[in-house]
N, C-alpha and C. Protein backbone atom coordinates (compact mmCIF):
# COMPACT_ATOMS: atom_id res chain seq x y z
N MET A 1 101.67 235.56 -94.16
CA MET A 1 101.24 235.82 -92.81
C MET A 1 101.55 237.26 -92.39
N LYS A 2 102.74 237.70 -92.70
CA LYS A 2 103.15 239.04 -92.28
C LYS A 2 102.29 240.10 -92.93
N THR A 3 101.93 239.94 -94.17
CA THR A 3 101.11 240.95 -94.85
C THR A 3 99.73 241.03 -94.22
N ARG A 4 99.16 239.91 -93.82
CA ARG A 4 97.85 239.93 -93.17
C ARG A 4 97.91 240.59 -91.79
N TYR A 5 98.96 240.30 -91.05
CA TYR A 5 99.13 240.94 -89.75
C TYR A 5 99.31 242.44 -89.91
N ASP A 6 100.18 242.84 -90.83
CA ASP A 6 100.46 244.26 -91.04
C ASP A 6 99.24 245.02 -91.53
N ALA A 7 98.33 244.35 -92.24
CA ALA A 7 97.14 245.01 -92.76
C ALA A 7 96.22 245.47 -91.62
N LYS A 8 96.16 244.71 -90.54
CA LYS A 8 95.26 245.04 -89.43
C LYS A 8 95.97 245.65 -88.23
N ALA A 9 97.28 245.66 -88.23
CA ALA A 9 98.03 246.18 -87.08
C ALA A 9 97.97 247.70 -87.04
N ASN A 10 97.85 248.23 -85.83
CA ASN A 10 97.87 249.67 -85.61
C ASN A 10 99.20 250.06 -85.00
N GLU A 11 99.78 251.12 -85.51
CA GLU A 11 101.04 251.59 -84.95
C GLU A 11 100.76 252.35 -83.66
N VAL A 12 101.44 251.96 -82.61
CA VAL A 12 101.25 252.58 -81.30
C VAL A 12 102.56 253.24 -80.90
N ASN A 13 102.47 254.48 -80.47
CA ASN A 13 103.66 255.21 -80.01
C ASN A 13 103.41 255.74 -78.61
N PHE A 14 104.28 255.36 -77.69
CA PHE A 14 104.23 255.88 -76.33
C PHE A 14 105.43 256.80 -76.14
N GLN A 15 105.21 257.89 -75.46
CA GLN A 15 106.29 258.82 -75.14
C GLN A 15 106.88 258.45 -73.78
N ALA A 16 108.09 258.87 -73.53
CA ALA A 16 108.72 258.64 -72.23
C ALA A 16 107.89 259.35 -71.16
N GLY A 17 107.52 258.62 -70.12
CA GLY A 17 106.71 259.18 -69.04
C GLY A 17 105.24 258.86 -69.15
N ASP A 18 104.78 258.28 -70.27
CA ASP A 18 103.38 257.89 -70.42
C ASP A 18 103.06 256.72 -69.49
N ASN A 19 101.87 256.71 -68.95
CA ASN A 19 101.41 255.58 -68.15
C ASN A 19 100.75 254.56 -69.06
N VAL A 20 101.05 253.27 -68.81
CA VAL A 20 100.53 252.19 -69.65
C VAL A 20 100.09 251.02 -68.78
N TRP A 21 99.15 250.23 -69.30
CA TRP A 21 98.79 248.95 -68.72
C TRP A 21 99.74 247.92 -69.31
N PHE A 22 100.11 246.91 -68.53
CA PHE A 22 100.99 245.84 -68.98
C PHE A 22 100.21 244.53 -68.94
N TYR A 23 100.20 243.80 -70.07
CA TYR A 23 99.48 242.53 -70.16
C TYR A 23 100.35 241.43 -69.58
N ASN A 24 99.90 240.86 -68.45
CA ASN A 24 100.64 239.80 -67.77
C ASN A 24 99.63 238.75 -67.33
N PRO A 25 99.36 237.75 -68.18
CA PRO A 25 98.27 236.80 -67.89
C PRO A 25 98.62 235.69 -66.90
N GLN A 26 99.51 235.93 -65.96
CA GLN A 26 99.83 234.92 -64.95
C GLN A 26 98.64 234.74 -64.01
N ARG A 27 98.33 233.49 -63.72
CA ARG A 27 97.23 233.20 -62.80
C ARG A 27 97.71 233.25 -61.36
N LYS A 28 96.86 233.79 -60.51
CA LYS A 28 97.17 233.86 -59.08
C LYS A 28 96.48 232.70 -58.38
N LYS A 29 97.16 232.10 -57.46
CA LYS A 29 96.62 230.97 -56.73
C LYS A 29 95.51 231.44 -55.79
N GLY A 30 94.42 230.68 -55.74
CA GLY A 30 93.35 230.97 -54.80
C GLY A 30 92.23 231.82 -55.35
N GLN A 31 92.33 232.26 -56.58
CA GLN A 31 91.27 233.08 -57.17
C GLN A 31 90.93 232.53 -58.55
N SER A 32 89.67 232.56 -58.89
CA SER A 32 89.23 232.05 -60.18
C SER A 32 89.86 232.86 -61.31
N PRO A 33 90.31 232.20 -62.37
CA PRO A 33 90.89 232.94 -63.50
C PRO A 33 89.90 233.89 -64.15
N LYS A 34 88.62 233.59 -64.05
CA LYS A 34 87.61 234.48 -64.63
C LYS A 34 87.58 235.83 -63.94
N LEU A 35 87.93 235.86 -62.67
CA LEU A 35 87.87 237.09 -61.89
C LEU A 35 89.19 237.85 -61.88
N GLN A 36 90.21 237.30 -62.50
CA GLN A 36 91.52 237.95 -62.53
C GLN A 36 91.65 238.79 -63.79
N SER A 37 92.21 239.96 -63.63
CA SER A 37 92.48 240.81 -64.78
C SER A 37 93.91 240.58 -65.24
N PRO A 38 94.12 240.31 -66.52
CA PRO A 38 95.49 240.11 -66.99
C PRO A 38 96.26 241.41 -67.17
N TRP A 39 95.58 242.55 -67.09
CA TRP A 39 96.23 243.84 -67.27
C TRP A 39 96.66 244.38 -65.91
N VAL A 40 97.94 244.70 -65.78
CA VAL A 40 98.53 245.16 -64.52
C VAL A 40 99.06 246.57 -64.73
N GLY A 41 98.97 247.38 -63.69
CA GLY A 41 99.54 248.71 -63.86
C GLY A 41 98.90 249.72 -62.96
N PRO A 42 99.20 250.96 -63.18
CA PRO A 42 99.90 251.50 -64.34
C PRO A 42 101.42 251.41 -64.21
N TYR A 43 102.05 251.19 -65.33
CA TYR A 43 103.50 251.23 -65.46
C TYR A 43 103.86 252.52 -66.17
N THR A 44 105.10 252.93 -66.06
CA THR A 44 105.58 254.13 -66.74
C THR A 44 106.51 253.71 -67.87
N ALA A 45 106.24 254.20 -69.07
CA ALA A 45 107.11 253.93 -70.20
C ALA A 45 108.36 254.80 -70.05
N LEU A 46 109.51 254.15 -69.94
CA LEU A 46 110.76 254.89 -69.76
C LEU A 46 111.33 255.37 -71.09
N ASP A 47 111.46 254.43 -72.03
CA ASP A 47 111.96 254.81 -73.35
C ASP A 47 111.62 253.74 -74.38
N ARG A 48 111.75 254.12 -75.63
CA ARG A 48 111.48 253.22 -76.75
C ARG A 48 112.82 252.68 -77.24
N LEU A 49 112.96 251.36 -77.20
CA LEU A 49 114.22 250.75 -77.61
C LEU A 49 114.25 250.51 -79.11
N LEU A 50 113.22 249.90 -79.63
CA LEU A 50 113.06 249.66 -81.07
C LEU A 50 111.65 250.09 -81.45
N ASP A 51 111.26 249.83 -82.68
CA ASP A 51 109.90 250.18 -83.11
C ASP A 51 108.85 249.41 -82.33
N ILE A 52 109.20 248.21 -81.86
CA ILE A 52 108.19 247.36 -81.23
C ILE A 52 108.50 247.02 -79.77
N THR A 53 109.55 247.55 -79.19
CA THR A 53 109.88 247.25 -77.79
C THR A 53 110.04 248.53 -76.98
N TYR A 54 109.58 248.44 -75.73
CA TYR A 54 109.66 249.56 -74.80
C TYR A 54 110.25 249.08 -73.48
N ARG A 55 110.86 249.98 -72.76
CA ARG A 55 111.31 249.71 -71.40
C ARG A 55 110.30 250.38 -70.47
N ILE A 56 109.71 249.58 -69.57
CA ILE A 56 108.71 250.10 -68.64
C ILE A 56 109.15 249.82 -67.21
N GLN A 57 108.59 250.57 -66.27
CA GLN A 57 108.91 250.38 -64.86
C GLN A 57 107.64 250.60 -64.04
N GLY A 58 107.40 249.70 -63.07
CA GLY A 58 106.20 249.76 -62.25
C GLY A 58 106.25 250.80 -61.15
N GLY A 59 107.36 250.99 -60.54
CA GLY A 59 107.54 251.96 -59.46
C GLY A 59 109.00 252.36 -59.38
N ARG A 60 109.31 253.23 -58.45
CA ARG A 60 110.70 253.70 -58.33
C ARG A 60 111.67 252.57 -57.99
N LYS A 61 111.22 251.67 -57.12
CA LYS A 61 112.12 250.60 -56.67
C LYS A 61 112.02 249.33 -57.50
N SER A 62 111.07 249.25 -58.41
CA SER A 62 110.92 248.04 -59.21
C SER A 62 111.94 248.01 -60.35
N ARG A 63 112.23 246.82 -60.79
CA ARG A 63 113.20 246.63 -61.86
C ARG A 63 112.55 246.94 -63.22
N PRO A 64 113.20 247.68 -64.10
CA PRO A 64 112.63 247.95 -65.42
C PRO A 64 112.52 246.67 -66.25
N ARG A 65 111.50 246.61 -67.10
CA ARG A 65 111.27 245.45 -67.96
C ARG A 65 111.28 245.90 -69.40
N VAL A 66 111.74 245.04 -70.28
CA VAL A 66 111.67 245.28 -71.71
C VAL A 66 110.54 244.42 -72.25
N VAL A 67 109.54 245.05 -72.86
CA VAL A 67 108.36 244.32 -73.32
C VAL A 67 107.99 244.72 -74.75
N HIS A 68 107.29 243.83 -75.40
CA HIS A 68 106.79 244.07 -76.76
C HIS A 68 105.60 245.03 -76.69
N VAL A 69 105.44 245.83 -77.72
CA VAL A 69 104.38 246.84 -77.74
C VAL A 69 102.98 246.21 -77.71
N ASN A 70 102.85 244.97 -78.18
CA ASN A 70 101.54 244.30 -78.15
C ASN A 70 101.07 243.99 -76.73
N ARG A 71 101.97 244.04 -75.76
CA ARG A 71 101.60 243.78 -74.37
C ARG A 71 101.36 245.06 -73.59
N LEU A 72 101.26 246.19 -74.28
CA LEU A 72 101.02 247.48 -73.64
C LEU A 72 99.73 248.09 -74.14
N TRP A 73 99.08 248.85 -73.26
CA TRP A 73 97.84 249.54 -73.59
C TRP A 73 97.85 250.90 -72.89
N GLN A 74 97.37 251.92 -73.55
CA GLN A 74 97.38 253.28 -72.99
C GLN A 74 96.54 253.34 -71.72
N TYR A 75 97.10 253.92 -70.66
CA TYR A 75 96.41 254.08 -69.38
C TYR A 75 95.72 255.44 -69.38
N HIS A 76 94.40 255.45 -69.11
CA HIS A 76 93.63 256.70 -69.14
C HIS A 76 93.19 257.16 -67.77
N GLY A 77 93.63 256.54 -66.72
CA GLY A 77 93.22 256.94 -65.38
C GLY A 77 92.43 255.84 -64.70
N SER A 78 92.13 256.06 -63.44
CA SER A 78 91.47 255.04 -62.64
C SER A 78 89.97 254.98 -62.86
N GLY A 79 89.38 255.97 -63.52
CA GLY A 79 87.94 255.98 -63.75
C GLY A 79 87.16 256.60 -62.62
N GLN A 80 87.83 257.13 -61.62
CA GLN A 80 87.15 257.79 -60.53
C GLN A 80 87.16 259.29 -60.80
N TYR A 81 86.00 259.88 -60.71
CA TYR A 81 85.88 261.30 -61.00
C TYR A 81 85.39 262.02 -59.75
N SER A 82 85.84 263.22 -59.56
CA SER A 82 85.42 263.98 -58.40
C SER A 82 84.70 265.24 -58.85
N CYS A 83 83.94 265.80 -57.95
CA CYS A 83 83.15 266.98 -58.24
C CYS A 83 83.96 268.22 -57.87
N ASP A 84 83.89 269.26 -58.68
CA ASP A 84 84.64 270.47 -58.36
C ASP A 84 83.83 271.45 -57.51
N GLY A 85 82.58 271.10 -57.17
CA GLY A 85 81.79 271.93 -56.27
C GLY A 85 80.81 272.85 -56.95
N SER A 86 80.91 273.05 -58.25
CA SER A 86 79.95 273.93 -58.92
C SER A 86 78.65 273.18 -59.17
N GLU A 87 77.54 273.91 -59.21
CA GLU A 87 76.23 273.28 -59.38
C GLU A 87 76.09 272.66 -60.77
N GLU A 88 76.71 273.25 -61.77
CA GLU A 88 76.57 272.76 -63.13
C GLU A 88 77.17 271.37 -63.30
N SER A 89 78.32 271.12 -62.68
CA SER A 89 78.98 269.84 -62.86
C SER A 89 78.51 268.79 -61.86
N CYS A 90 77.80 269.19 -60.82
CA CYS A 90 77.39 268.28 -59.76
C CYS A 90 75.88 268.26 -59.58
N SER A 91 75.13 268.20 -60.64
CA SER A 91 73.69 268.19 -60.49
C SER A 91 73.23 266.81 -60.05
N PRO A 92 72.14 266.73 -59.30
CA PRO A 92 71.64 265.43 -58.85
C PRO A 92 71.27 264.54 -60.01
N ALA A 93 71.35 263.23 -59.79
CA ALA A 93 71.09 262.26 -60.85
C ALA A 93 69.65 262.34 -61.35
N ASP A 94 68.68 262.62 -60.47
CA ASP A 94 67.28 262.69 -60.89
C ASP A 94 67.06 263.79 -61.93
N GLU A 95 67.68 264.93 -61.71
CA GLU A 95 67.51 266.02 -62.67
C GLU A 95 68.14 265.67 -64.01
N ASP A 96 69.28 265.00 -63.99
CA ASP A 96 69.95 264.62 -65.23
C ASP A 96 69.06 263.69 -66.04
N VAL A 97 68.44 262.71 -65.39
CA VAL A 97 67.60 261.75 -66.10
C VAL A 97 66.40 262.45 -66.70
N GLU A 98 65.76 263.34 -65.94
CA GLU A 98 64.60 264.03 -66.47
C GLU A 98 64.96 264.89 -67.67
N GLU A 99 66.11 265.54 -67.63
CA GLU A 99 66.52 266.37 -68.74
C GLU A 99 66.89 265.52 -69.96
N ASP A 100 67.54 264.39 -69.73
CA ASP A 100 68.01 263.56 -70.83
C ASP A 100 66.85 262.92 -71.60
N ILE A 101 65.84 262.41 -70.90
CA ILE A 101 64.77 261.69 -71.59
C ILE A 101 63.50 262.52 -71.73
N GLY A 102 63.47 263.70 -71.18
CA GLY A 102 62.33 264.60 -71.35
C GLY A 102 61.08 264.17 -70.60
N VAL A 103 61.21 263.57 -69.44
CA VAL A 103 60.06 263.12 -68.66
C VAL A 103 59.52 264.29 -67.86
N GLU A 104 58.23 264.49 -67.93
CA GLU A 104 57.59 265.52 -67.13
C GLU A 104 56.71 264.85 -66.10
N VAL A 105 56.88 265.22 -64.85
CA VAL A 105 56.08 264.64 -63.78
C VAL A 105 55.04 265.68 -63.38
N GLN A 106 53.77 265.32 -63.54
CA GLN A 106 52.70 266.22 -63.17
C GLN A 106 52.25 265.87 -61.76
N GLU A 107 52.11 266.89 -60.94
CA GLU A 107 51.70 266.65 -59.57
C GLU A 107 50.25 267.05 -59.39
N ASP A 108 49.58 266.29 -58.54
CA ASP A 108 48.21 266.61 -58.18
C ASP A 108 48.25 267.54 -56.97
N GLY A 109 47.13 267.93 -56.47
CA GLY A 109 47.06 268.85 -55.34
C GLY A 109 47.71 268.32 -54.08
N ASP A 110 47.82 267.00 -53.93
CA ASP A 110 48.41 266.41 -52.73
C ASP A 110 49.93 266.38 -52.78
N GLY A 111 50.52 266.78 -53.90
CA GLY A 111 51.97 266.74 -54.04
C GLY A 111 52.48 265.39 -54.52
N LEU A 112 51.58 264.46 -54.84
CA LEU A 112 51.98 263.16 -55.34
C LEU A 112 51.99 263.19 -56.87
N PRO A 113 52.86 262.42 -57.49
CA PRO A 113 52.80 262.34 -58.95
C PRO A 113 51.46 261.80 -59.40
N ARG A 114 51.02 262.20 -60.55
CA ARG A 114 49.69 261.87 -61.06
C ARG A 114 49.46 260.36 -61.10
N GLU A 115 50.46 259.59 -61.49
CA GLU A 115 50.31 258.14 -61.58
C GLU A 115 49.97 257.54 -60.22
N GLU A 116 50.67 257.99 -59.18
CA GLU A 116 50.42 257.46 -57.84
C GLU A 116 49.05 257.87 -57.33
N VAL A 117 48.59 259.05 -57.68
CA VAL A 117 47.27 259.51 -57.26
C VAL A 117 46.21 258.62 -57.89
N ASP A 118 46.38 258.29 -59.18
CA ASP A 118 45.42 257.42 -59.85
C ASP A 118 45.37 256.05 -59.17
N GLN A 119 46.54 255.50 -58.81
CA GLN A 119 46.57 254.21 -58.14
C GLN A 119 45.91 254.31 -56.77
N GLN A 120 46.13 255.42 -56.08
CA GLN A 120 45.55 255.60 -54.76
C GLN A 120 44.03 255.69 -54.86
N GLU A 121 43.51 256.39 -55.88
CA GLU A 121 42.06 256.48 -56.08
C GLU A 121 41.48 255.12 -56.38
N ASP A 122 42.19 254.30 -57.19
CA ASP A 122 41.72 252.95 -57.49
C ASP A 122 41.63 252.11 -56.22
N GLN A 123 42.64 252.23 -55.36
CA GLN A 123 42.63 251.47 -54.11
C GLN A 123 41.49 251.92 -53.21
N ASP A 124 41.22 253.23 -53.17
CA ASP A 124 40.13 253.74 -52.35
C ASP A 124 38.80 253.22 -52.86
N LEU A 125 38.64 253.18 -54.19
CA LEU A 125 37.40 252.68 -54.77
C LEU A 125 37.22 251.20 -54.47
N GLN A 126 38.30 250.43 -54.58
CA GLN A 126 38.20 249.00 -54.30
C GLN A 126 37.87 248.78 -52.83
N GLY A 127 38.44 249.57 -51.95
CA GLY A 127 38.16 249.46 -50.53
C GLY A 127 36.71 249.81 -50.23
N ALA A 128 36.16 250.80 -50.96
CA ALA A 128 34.77 251.19 -50.76
C ALA A 128 33.84 250.07 -51.22
N ASP A 129 34.20 249.37 -52.30
CA ASP A 129 33.37 248.26 -52.78
C ASP A 129 33.33 247.15 -51.74
N CYS A 130 34.47 246.90 -51.12
CA CYS A 130 34.53 245.83 -50.11
C CYS A 130 33.66 246.18 -48.91
N VAL A 131 33.64 247.43 -48.51
CA VAL A 131 32.86 247.85 -47.36
C VAL A 131 31.38 247.72 -47.67
N GLU A 132 30.97 248.09 -48.89
CA GLU A 132 29.56 248.02 -49.25
C GLU A 132 29.07 246.58 -49.32
N GLU A 133 29.93 245.64 -49.71
CA GLU A 133 29.52 244.25 -49.85
C GLU A 133 29.24 243.62 -48.50
N GLN A 134 29.88 244.08 -47.45
CA GLN A 134 29.69 243.46 -46.12
C GLN A 134 28.40 243.82 -45.58
């Protein structure tokens, strides 16, 4: 068993001061377990006690915990990004999509995209047919 575990196990090293997620699968009353995240944090890794155990702390006033390395995951931030104000890093989403997929929008004389103009002409023709039939 140990050889099979060791074959797939990855060695993880956290430095003192690194932020980590802590796996705590306790269920909270009143909320569906499907909607609960078992990862809590960020916690701060205080020090490494053994090869597989770390001491972590949630906040200044919280009590430090000793946990196994398998219950820790590297914290990379909240996922919220802000704009620094330059045009290069804050371009509108429409321009990004056009550049990424290479879509060219051709405009007709009315300023409408060509596709919409074609649909508008079709509607005008259908309306003209209806008028002639009456």
